[in-house]
């Protein structure tokens, strides 16, 4: 299991392009997880490769196509 380095909390990656939503979700989850953040597909994929979080919360409507799920679904691939 991946954790924040001291074994106390597992890593969670929050992928959301809206900064306000990211902050609210991070606040809600920070007591149980070390929350990593990404705002687009490229940074999300890089974070998964670098940090190997145990859980990813993924907004499907990411830039460049915030009104459909193409970027979010591409991140899953």
PDB file of N, CA and C in Angstrom:
ATOM      1  N   UNK A   1       0.835  -1.171   0.000  1.00  0.00           N
ATOM      2  CA  UNK A   1       0.000   0.000   0.000  1.00  0.00           C
ATOM      3  C   UNK A   1       0.883   1.239   0.000  1.00  0.00           C
ATOM      4  N   UNK A   2       0.513   2.224  -0.844  1.00  0.00           N
ATOM      5  CA  UNK A   2       1.246   3.482  -0.854  1.00  0.00           C
ATOM      6  C   UNK A   2       0.781   4.354   0.289  1.00  0.00           C
ATOM      7  N   UNK A   3       1.693   5.108   0.870  1.00  0.00           N
ATOM      8  CA  UNK A   3       1.319   6.034   1.934  1.00  0.00           C
ATOM      9  C   UNK A   3       2.137   7.301   1.812  1.00  0.00           C
ATOM     10  N   UNK A   4       1.994   8.190   2.759  1.00  0.00           N
ATOM     11  CA  UNK A   4       2.655   9.487   2.673  1.00  0.00           C
ATOM     12  C   UNK A   4       4.101   9.473   3.142  1.00  0.00           C
ATOM     13  N   UNK A   5       4.659   8.302   3.303  1.00  0.00           N
ATOM     14  CA  UNK A   5       6.064   8.216   3.659  1.00  0.00           C
ATOM     15  C   UNK A   5       6.302   7.782   5.083  1.00  0.00           C
ATOM     16  N   UNK A   6       5.369   8.071   5.979  1.00  0.00           N
ATOM     17  CA  UNK A   6       5.568   7.652   7.368  1.00  0.00           C
ATOM     18  C   UNK A   6       4.625   6.518   7.761  1.00  0.00           C
ATOM     19  N   UNK A   7       3.860   5.989   6.801  1.00  0.00           N
ATOM     20  CA  UNK A   7       2.995   4.849   7.073  1.00  0.00           C
ATOM     21  C   UNK A   7       1.663   5.190   7.688  1.00  0.00           C
ATOM     22  N   UNK A   8       1.340   6.448   7.852  1.00  0.00           N
ATOM     23  CA  UNK A   8       0.125   6.800   8.576  1.00  0.00           C
ATOM     24  C   UNK A   8      -1.111   6.930   7.706  1.00  0.00           C
ATOM     25  N   UNK A   9      -0.999   7.453   6.506  1.00  0.00           N
ATOM     26  CA  UNK A   9      -2.169   7.665   5.670  1.00  0.00           C
ATOM     27  C   UNK A   9      -1.908   7.225   4.237  1.00  0.00           C
ATOM     28  N   UNK A  10      -2.867   6.535   3.620  1.00  0.00           N
ATOM     29  CA  UNK A  10      -2.711   6.125   2.221  1.00  0.00           C
ATOM     30  C   UNK A  10      -2.814   7.328   1.288  1.00  0.00           C
ATOM     31  N   UNK A  11      -2.195   7.172   0.107  1.00  0.00           N
ATOM     32  CA  UNK A  11      -2.237   8.219  -0.906  1.00  0.00           C
ATOM     33  C   UNK A  11      -3.514   8.137  -1.732  1.00  0.00           C
ATOM     34  N   UNK A  12      -4.126   9.288  -1.945  1.00  0.00           N
ATOM     35  CA  UNK A  12      -5.307   9.421  -2.789  1.00  0.00           C
ATOM     36  C   UNK A  12      -5.006  10.519  -3.798  1.00  0.00           C
ATOM     37  N   UNK A  13      -5.323  10.264  -5.070  1.00  0.00           N
ATOM     38  CA  UNK A  13      -5.159  11.282  -6.102  1.00  0.00           C
ATOM     39  C   UNK A  13      -6.513  11.843  -6.460  1.00  0.00           C
ATOM     40  N   UNK A  14      -6.648  13.135  -6.332  1.00  0.00           N
ATOM     41  CA  UNK A  14      -7.864  13.857  -6.663  1.00  0.00           C
ATOM     42  C   UNK A  14      -7.638  14.587  -7.978  1.00  0.00           C
ATOM     43  N   UNK A  15      -8.386  14.194  -9.019  1.00  0.00           N
ATOM     44  CA  UNK A  15      -8.240  14.792 -10.338  1.00  0.00           C
ATOM     45  C   UNK A  15      -9.494  15.617 -10.617  1.00  0.00           C
ATOM     46  N   UNK A  16      -9.335  16.933 -10.562  1.00  0.00           N
ATOM     47  CA  UNK A  16     -10.464  17.858 -10.710  1.00  0.00           C
ATOM     48  C   UNK A  16      -9.919  19.185 -11.231  1.00  0.00           C
ATOM     49  N   UNK A  17     -10.530  19.721 -12.287  1.00  0.00           N
ATOM     50  CA  UNK A  17     -10.038  20.974 -12.856  1.00  0.00           C
ATOM     51  C   UNK A  17     -10.540  22.210 -12.117  1.00  0.00           C
ATOM     52  N   UNK A  18     -11.595  22.096 -11.349  1.00  0.00           N
ATOM     53  CA  UNK A  18     -12.137  23.234 -10.603  1.00  0.00           C
ATOM     54  C   UNK A  18     -11.417  23.346  -9.256  1.00  0.00           C
ATOM     55  N   UNK A  19     -10.659  24.430  -9.071  1.00  0.00           N
ATOM     56  CA  UNK A  19      -9.844  24.598  -7.863  1.00  0.00           C
ATOM     57  C   UNK A  19     -10.686  24.635  -6.592  1.00  0.00           C
ATOM     58  N   UNK A  20     -11.860  25.245  -6.636  1.00  0.00           N
ATOM     59  CA  UNK A  20     -12.724  25.308  -5.456  1.00  0.00           C
ATOM     60  C   UNK A  20     -13.203  23.921  -5.041  1.00  0.00           C
ATOM     61  N   UNK A  21     -13.603  23.115  -6.007  1.00  0.00           N
ATOM     62  CA  UNK A  21     -14.044  21.745  -5.711  1.00  0.00           C
ATOM     63  C   UNK A  21     -12.876  20.926  -5.173  1.00  0.00           C
ATOM     64  N   UNK A  22     -11.692  21.099  -5.784  1.00  0.00           N
ATOM     65  CA  UNK A  22     -10.506  20.389  -5.288  1.00  0.00           C
ATOM     66  C   UNK A  22     -10.236  20.728  -3.833  1.00  0.00           C
ATOM     67  N   UNK A  23     -10.303  21.985  -3.483  1.00  0.00           N
ATOM     68  CA  UNK A  23     -10.044  22.398  -2.097  1.00  0.00           C
ATOM     69  C   UNK A  23     -11.070  21.826  -1.129  1.00  0.00           C
ATOM     70  N   UNK A  24     -12.343  21.827  -1.514  1.00  0.00           N
ATOM     71  CA  UNK A  24     -13.386  21.278  -0.645  1.00  0.00           C
ATOM     72  C   UNK A  24     -13.202  19.783  -0.440  1.00  0.00           C
ATOM     73  N   UNK A  25     -12.908  19.076  -1.525  1.00  0.00           N
ATOM     74  CA  UNK A  25     -12.719  17.628  -1.416  1.00  0.00           C
ATOM     75  C   UNK A  25     -11.464  17.307  -0.622  1.00  0.00           C
ATOM     76  N   UNK A  26     -10.398  18.069  -0.843  1.00  0.00           N
ATOM     77  CA  UNK A  26      -9.163  17.846  -0.095  1.00  0.00           C
ATOM     78  C   UNK A  26      -9.414  18.052   1.399  1.00  0.00           C
ATOM     79  N   UNK A  27     -10.115  19.098   1.747  1.00  0.00           N
ATOM     80  CA  UNK A  27     -10.455  19.364   3.143  1.00  0.00           C
ATOM     81  C   UNK A  27     -11.227  18.193   3.749  1.00  0.00           C
ATOM     82  N   UNK A  28     -12.191  17.645   2.995  1.00  0.00           N
ATOM     83  CA  UNK A  28     -13.011  16.551   3.500  1.00  0.00           C
ATOM     84  C   UNK A  28     -12.237  15.241   3.642  1.00  0.00           C
ATOM     85  N   UNK A  29     -11.219  15.042   2.841  1.00  0.00           N
ATOM     86  CA  UNK A  29     -10.503  13.759   2.801  1.00  0.00           C
ATOM     87  C   UNK A  29      -9.167  13.754   3.541  1.00  0.00           C
ATOM     88  N   UNK A  30      -8.663  14.911   3.898  1.00  0.00           N
ATOM     89  CA  UNK A  30      -7.302  15.022   4.429  1.00  0.00           C
ATOM     90  C   UNK A  30      -7.092  14.325   5.766  1.00  0.00           C
ATOM     91  N   UNK A  31      -8.137  14.085   6.525  1.00  0.00           N
ATOM     92  CA  UNK A  31      -7.934  13.412   7.811  1.00  0.00           C
ATOM     93  C   UNK A  31      -7.671  11.913   7.642  1.00  0.00           C
ATOM     94  N   UNK A  32      -8.076  11.350   6.506  1.00  0.00           N
ATOM     95  CA  UNK A  32      -7.917   9.915   6.269  1.00  0.00           C
ATOM     96  C   UNK A  32      -6.853   9.588   5.219  1.00  0.00           C
ATOM     97  N   UNK A  33      -6.543  10.554   4.347  1.00  0.00           N
ATOM     98  CA  UNK A  33      -5.641  10.312   3.223  1.00  0.00           C
ATOM     99  C   UNK A  33      -4.623  11.438   3.102  1.00  0.00           C
ATOM    100  N   UNK A  34      -3.501  11.112   2.506  1.00  0.00           N
ATOM    101  CA  UNK A  34      -2.632  12.141   1.978  1.00  0.00           C
ATOM    102  C   UNK A  34      -3.148  12.402   0.577  1.00  0.00           C
ATOM    103  N   UNK A  35      -3.628  13.616   0.344  1.00  0.00           N
ATOM    104  CA  UNK A  35      -4.299  13.937  -0.910  1.00  0.00           C
ATOM    105  C   UNK A  35      -3.325  14.584  -1.883  1.00  0.00           C
ATOM    106  N   UNK A  36      -3.151  13.924  -3.009  1.00  0.00           N
ATOM    107  CA  UNK A  36      -2.400  14.477  -4.126  1.00  0.00           C
ATOM    108  C   UNK A  36      -3.403  15.126  -5.067  1.00  0.00           C
ATOM    109  N   UNK A  37      -2.988  16.143  -5.787  1.00  0.00           N
ATOM    110  CA  UNK A  37      -3.912  16.854  -6.657  1.00  0.00           C
ATOM    111  C   UNK A  37      -3.398  16.944  -8.089  1.00  0.00           C
ATOM    112  N   UNK A  38      -4.339  16.848  -9.040  1.00  0.00           N
ATOM    113  CA  UNK A  38      -4.048  17.057 -10.447  1.00  0.00           C
ATOM    114  C   UNK A  38      -5.235  17.786 -11.060  1.00  0.00           C
ATOM    115  N   UNK A  39      -4.955  18.680 -12.018  1.00  0.00           N
ATOM    116  CA  UNK A  39      -6.044  19.447 -12.613  1.00  0.00           C
ATOM    117  C   UNK A  39      -6.326  19.084 -14.065  1.00  0.00           C
ATOM    118  N   UNK A  40      -5.546  18.163 -14.627  1.00  0.00           N
ATOM    119  CA  UNK A  40      -5.776  17.740 -16.007  1.00  0.00           C
ATOM    120  C   UNK A  40      -5.243  16.316 -16.197  1.00  0.00           C
ATOM    121  N   UNK A  41      -5.530  15.765 -17.372  1.00  0.00           N
ATOM    122  CA  UNK A  41      -5.150  14.375 -17.651  1.00  0.00           C
ATOM    123  C   UNK A  41      -3.640  14.182 -17.586  1.00  0.00           C
ATOM    124  N   UNK A  42      -2.884  15.064 -18.188  1.00  0.00           N
ATOM    125  CA  UNK A  42      -1.421  14.905 -18.226  1.00  0.00           C
ATOM    126  C   UNK A  42      -0.823  14.847 -16.817  1.00  0.00           C
ATOM    127  N   UNK A  43      -1.213  15.775 -15.968  1.00  0.00           N
ATOM    128  CA  UNK A  43      -0.659  15.778 -14.614  1.00  0.00           C
ATOM    129  C   UNK A  43      -1.159  14.584 -13.801  1.00  0.00           C
ATOM    130  N   UNK A  44      -2.386  14.142 -14.059  1.00  0.00           N
ATOM    131  CA  UNK A  44      -2.928  12.977 -13.353  1.00  0.00           C
ATOM    132  C   UNK A  44      -2.150  11.708 -13.701  1.00  0.00           C
ATOM    133  N   UNK A  45      -1.910  11.507 -14.984  1.00  0.00           N
ATOM    134  CA  UNK A  45      -1.167  10.312 -15.414  1.00  0.00           C
ATOM    135  C   UNK A  45       0.254  10.353 -14.853  1.00  0.00           C
ATOM    136  N   UNK A  46       0.878  11.510 -14.877  1.00  0.00           N
ATOM    137  CA  UNK A  46       2.216  11.639 -14.312  1.00  0.00           C
ATOM    138  C   UNK A  46       2.247  11.330 -12.826  1.00  0.00           C
ATOM    139  N   UNK A  47       1.242  11.803 -12.100  1.00  0.00           N
ATOM    140  CA  UNK A  47       1.173  11.568 -10.661  1.00  0.00           C
ATOM    141  C   UNK A  47       0.968  10.080 -10.357  1.00  0.00           C
ATOM    142  N   UNK A  48       0.129   9.416 -11.132  1.00  0.00           N
ATOM    143  CA  UNK A  48      -0.086   7.974 -10.928  1.00  0.00           C
ATOM    144  C   UNK A  48       1.222   7.217 -11.158  1.00  0.00           C
ATOM    145  N   UNK A  49       1.922   7.572 -12.206  1.00  0.00           N
ATOM    146  CA  UNK A  49       3.189   6.889 -12.500  1.00  0.00           C
ATOM    147  C   UNK A  49       4.244   7.161 -11.436  1.00  0.00           C
ATOM    148  N   UNK A  50       4.274   8.365 -10.921  1.00  0.00           N
ATOM    149  CA  UNK A  50       5.309   8.749  -9.957  1.00  0.00           C
ATOM    150  C   UNK A  50       4.995   8.281  -8.536  1.00  0.00           C
ATOM    151  N   UNK A  51       3.741   8.387  -8.097  1.00  0.00           N
ATOM    152  CA  UNK A  51       3.399   8.170  -6.698  1.00  0.00           C
ATOM    153  C   UNK A  51       2.599   6.898  -6.414  1.00  0.00           C
ATOM    154  N   UNK A  52       1.969   6.300  -7.405  1.00  0.00           N
ATOM    155  CA  UNK A  52       1.167   5.076  -7.245  1.00  0.00           C
ATOM    156  C   UNK A  52       0.144   5.172  -6.113  1.00  0.00           C
ATOM    157  N   UNK A  53      -0.797   6.119  -6.206  1.00  0.00           N
ATOM    158  CA  UNK A  53      -1.823   6.219  -5.158  1.00  0.00           C
ATOM    159  C   UNK A  53      -2.711   4.977  -5.147  1.00  0.00           C
ATOM    160  N   UNK A  54      -3.286   4.667  -3.990  1.00  0.00           N
ATOM    161  CA  UNK A  54      -4.154   3.492  -3.901  1.00  0.00           C
ATOM    162  C   UNK A  54      -5.572   3.791  -4.376  1.00  0.00           C
ATOM    163  N   UNK A  55      -5.912   5.081  -4.482  1.00  0.00           N
ATOM    164  CA  UNK A  55      -7.258   5.480  -4.879  1.00  0.00           C
ATOM    165  C   UNK A  55      -7.169   6.741  -5.718  1.00  0.00           C
ATOM    166  N   UNK A  56      -7.985   6.802  -6.793  1.00  0.00           N
ATOM    167  CA  UNK A  56      -8.053   7.989  -7.638  1.00  0.00           C
ATOM    168  C   UNK A  56      -9.515   8.407  -7.741  1.00  0.00           C
ATOM    169  N   UNK A  57      -9.776   9.667  -7.418  1.00  0.00           N
ATOM    170  CA  UNK A  57     -11.090  10.264  -7.650  1.00  0.00           C
ATOM    171  C   UNK A  57     -10.956  11.119  -8.899  1.00  0.00           C
ATOM    172  N   UNK A  58     -11.676  10.759  -9.957  1.00  0.00           N
ATOM    173  CA  UNK A  58     -11.449  11.324 -11.284  1.00  0.00           C
ATOM    174  C   UNK A  58     -12.686  12.031 -11.806  1.00  0.00           C
ATOM    175  N   UNK A  59     -12.551  13.315 -12.053  1.00  0.00           N
ATOM    176  CA  UNK A  59     -13.562  14.092 -12.767  1.00  0.00           C
ATOM    177  C   UNK A  59     -13.431  13.733 -14.243  1.00  0.00           C
ATOM    178  N   UNK A  60     -14.506  13.311 -14.872  1.00  0.00           N
ATOM    179  CA  UNK A  60     -14.422  12.936 -16.277  1.00  0.00           C
ATOM    180  C   UNK A  60     -14.353  14.149 -17.191  1.00  0.00           C
ATOM    181  N   UNK A  61     -14.925  15.280 -16.795  1.00  0.00           N
ATOM    182  CA  UNK A  61     -14.927  16.484 -17.609  1.00  0.00           C
ATOM    183  C   UNK A  61     -13.707  17.343 -17.337  1.00  0.00           C
ATOM    184  N   UNK A  62     -12.588  16.975 -17.924  1.00  0.00           N
ATOM    185  CA  UNK A  62     -11.318  17.685 -17.717  1.00  0.00           C
ATOM    186  C   UNK A  62     -10.969  18.525 -18.943  1.00  0.00           C
ATOM    187  N   UNK A  63     -10.116  19.556 -18.775  1.00  0.00           N
ATOM    188  CA  UNK A  63      -9.667  20.309 -19.940  1.00  0.00           C
ATOM    189  C   UNK A  63      -8.934  19.375 -20.895  1.00  0.00           C
ATOM    190  N   UNK A  64      -9.090  19.474 -22.018  1.00  0.00           N
ATOM    191  CA  UNK A  64      -9.560  20.448 -22.963  1.00  0.00           C
ATOM    192  C   UNK A  64     -11.044  20.270 -23.308  1.00  0.00           C
ATOM    193  N   UNK A  65     -11.679  19.267 -22.804  1.00  0.00           N
ATOM    194  CA  UNK A  65     -13.077  18.971 -23.140  1.00  0.00           C
ATOM    195  C   UNK A  65     -13.906  18.888 -21.860  1.00  0.00           C
ATOM    196  N   UNK A  66     -14.088  20.016 -21.179  1.00  0.00           N
ATOM    197  CA  UNK A  66     -14.762  20.007 -19.877  1.00  0.00           C
ATOM    198  C   UNK A  66     -16.245  19.671 -19.962  1.00  0.00           C
ATOM    199  N   UNK A  67     -16.844  19.765 -21.145  1.00  0.00           N
ATOM    200  CA  UNK A  67     -18.270  19.491 -21.289  1.00  0.00           C
ATOM    201  C   UNK A  67     -18.587  18.066 -21.709  1.00  0.00           C
ATOM    202  N   UNK A  68     -17.586  17.229 -21.857  1.00  0.00           N
ATOM    203  CA  UNK A  68     -17.831  15.805 -22.110  1.00  0.00           C
ATOM    204  C   UNK A  68     -16.773  14.978 -21.388  1.00  0.00           C
ATOM    205  N   UNK A  69     -16.848  13.686 -21.526  1.00  0.00           N
ATOM    206  CA  UNK A  69     -16.020  12.781 -20.732  1.00  0.00           C
ATOM    207  C   UNK A  69     -14.761  12.305 -21.457  1.00  0.00           C
ATOM    208  N   UNK A  70     -14.425  12.857 -22.609  1.00  0.00           N
ATOM    209  CA  UNK A  70     -13.325  12.304 -23.387  1.00  0.00           C
ATOM    210  C   UNK A  70     -11.979  12.353 -22.666  1.00  0.00           C
ATOM    211  N   UNK A  71     -11.656  13.450 -22.026  1.00  0.00           N
ATOM    212  CA  UNK A  71     -10.359  13.553 -21.334  1.00  0.00           C
ATOM    213  C   UNK A  71     -10.305  12.636 -20.105  1.00  0.00           C
ATOM    214  N   UNK A  72     -11.377  12.577 -19.356  1.00  0.00           N
ATOM    215  CA  UNK A  72     -11.410  11.703 -18.188  1.00  0.00           C
ATOM    216  C   UNK A  72     -11.299  10.241 -18.580  1.00  0.00           C
ATOM    217  N   UNK A  73     -12.035   9.857 -19.628  1.00  0.00           N
ATOM    218  CA  UNK A  73     -11.970   8.476 -20.093  1.00  0.00           C
ATOM    219  C   UNK A  73     -10.588   8.162 -20.670  1.00  0.00           C
ATOM    220  N   UNK A  74      -9.966   9.125 -21.329  1.00  0.00           N
ATOM    221  CA  UNK A  74      -8.605   8.916 -21.834  1.00  0.00           C
ATOM    222  C   UNK A  74      -7.626   8.710 -20.684  1.00  0.00           C
ATOM    223  N   UNK A  75      -7.842   9.405 -19.587  1.00  0.00           N
ATOM    224  CA  UNK A  75      -6.976   9.223 -18.422  1.00  0.00           C
ATOM    225  C   UNK A  75      -7.088   7.803 -17.874  1.00  0.00           C
ATOM    226  N   UNK A  76      -8.267   7.226 -17.929  1.00  0.00           N
ATOM    227  CA  UNK A  76      -8.449   5.845 -17.457  1.00  0.00           C
ATOM    228  C   UNK A  76      -7.662   4.850 -18.290  1.00  0.00           C
ATOM    229  N   UNK A  77      -7.556   5.108 -19.572  1.00  0.00           N
ATOM    230  CA  UNK A  77      -6.824   4.197 -20.460  1.00  0.00           C
ATOM    231  C   UNK A  77      -5.363   4.221 -20.104  1.00  0.00           C
TER     232      UNK A  77
END
